[in-house]
Amino acid sequence: MTPKAIVQHIRSIARPWPMATMTDKNGELRRIAAARYAPLALFRRRNRWSPFGAVLKISSNKTGLNEFLIRCYEGAVWLMVE
């Protein structure tokens, strides 16, 4: 999916209907709270040629949510996971 399609999909099933989920590497199901565009993520050469679906970066934000930078078709998106 393109970044725009992913962000719109997550917004459509976010709160109060939290049905967007992902499975982490331990097999635990986690809820996706929000998604946002990452327009400059592919400027780095190592990110530009990464496979679709690859996790490019993991960080934590001030609210305690984990953020995953995910490579997708035509770009990348940030997924905020609870």
Protein backbone atom coordinates (compact mmCIF):
# COMPACT_ATOMS: atom_id res chain seq x y z
CA MET A 1 0.00 0.00 0.00
CA THR A 2 1.08 3.59 -0.47
CA PRO A 3 1.72 5.81 2.58
CA LYS A 4 -1.50 7.74 1.90
CA ALA A 5 -3.57 4.55 1.76
CA ILE A 6 -2.02 3.21 5.00
CA VAL A 7 -2.60 6.46 6.93
CA GLN A 8 -6.21 6.69 5.71
CA HIS A 9 -6.83 3.04 6.58
CA ILE A 10 -5.47 3.44 10.12
CA ARG A 11 -7.52 6.62 10.63
CA SER A 12 -10.68 4.85 9.50
CA ILE A 13 -10.38 2.09 12.12
CA ALA A 14 -8.69 4.01 14.95
CA ARG A 15 -10.39 5.11 18.15
CA PRO A 16 -13.14 4.70 19.14
CA TRP A 17 -12.93 1.51 17.05
CA PRO A 18 -9.37 0.34 17.77
CA MET A 19 -9.10 -2.56 15.36
CA ALA A 20 -5.78 -1.80 13.68
CA THR A 21 -3.18 -4.23 15.07
CA MET A 22 0.27 -5.54 14.32
CA THR A 23 2.26 -8.52 15.55
CA ASP A 24 5.70 -7.85 17.02
CA LYS A 25 8.68 -10.17 16.69
CA ASN A 26 7.67 -12.01 19.90
CA GLY A 27 4.28 -12.86 18.39
CA GLU A 28 2.43 -10.43 20.67
CA LEU A 29 -0.54 -8.57 19.19
CA ARG A 30 -0.26 -4.79 19.63
CA ARG A 31 -2.75 -2.04 18.79
CA ILE A 32 -1.84 0.70 16.32
CA ALA A 33 -2.96 4.03 17.79
CA ALA A 34 -2.12 6.31 14.86
CA ALA A 35 -0.18 6.61 11.63
CA ARG A 36 1.53 9.53 9.95
CA TYR A 37 3.51 10.17 6.81
CA ALA A 38 7.31 10.01 6.70
CA PRO A 39 8.09 11.92 3.50
CA LEU A 40 11.84 12.27 4.08
CA ALA A 41 12.54 8.74 5.31
CA LEU A 42 13.87 7.44 2.00
CA PHE A 43 16.59 10.08 1.57
CA ARG A 44 19.06 7.74 3.25
CA ARG A 45 20.48 5.30 0.75
CA ARG A 46 20.14 2.28 3.09
CA ASN A 47 16.41 3.02 3.51
CA ARG A 48 15.76 3.66 -0.17
CA TRP A 49 16.45 0.08 -1.25
CA SER A 50 14.97 -1.72 1.75
CA PRO A 51 12.21 -4.30 1.12
CA PHE A 52 8.56 -3.33 1.55
CA GLY A 53 7.33 -4.01 5.08
CA ALA A 54 10.78 -3.63 6.64
CA VAL A 55 11.07 -1.80 9.97
CA LEU A 56 13.52 1.02 9.32
CA LYS A 57 13.56 2.56 12.80
CA ILE A 58 11.99 2.10 16.24
CA SER A 59 11.70 4.93 18.75
CA SER A 60 9.58 6.07 21.70
CA ASN A 61 7.74 9.36 21.87
CA LYS A 62 6.86 11.59 24.83
CA THR A 63 3.46 9.94 25.40
CA GLY A 64 5.00 6.51 25.89
CA LEU A 65 3.94 5.06 22.54
CA ASN A 66 6.45 3.15 20.47
CA GLU A 67 6.90 4.44 16.94
CA PHE A 68 7.86 2.18 14.06
CA LEU A 69 9.08 3.57 10.74
CA ILE A 70 7.83 1.08 8.14
CA ARG A 71 8.89 0.94 4.48
CA CYS A 72 5.94 0.73 2.11
CA TYR A 73 5.23 1.16 -1.59
CA GLU A 74 6.32 4.64 -2.74
CA GLY A 75 7.55 5.74 0.71
CA ALA A 76 7.38 5.10 4.43
CA VAL A 77 5.00 5.67 7.36
CA TRP A 78 5.31 6.04 11.12
CA LEU A 79 3.03 3.70 13.08
CA MET A 80 2.38 4.62 16.72
CA VAL A 81 1.84 1.41 18.69
CA GLU A 82 0.40 1.05 22.21
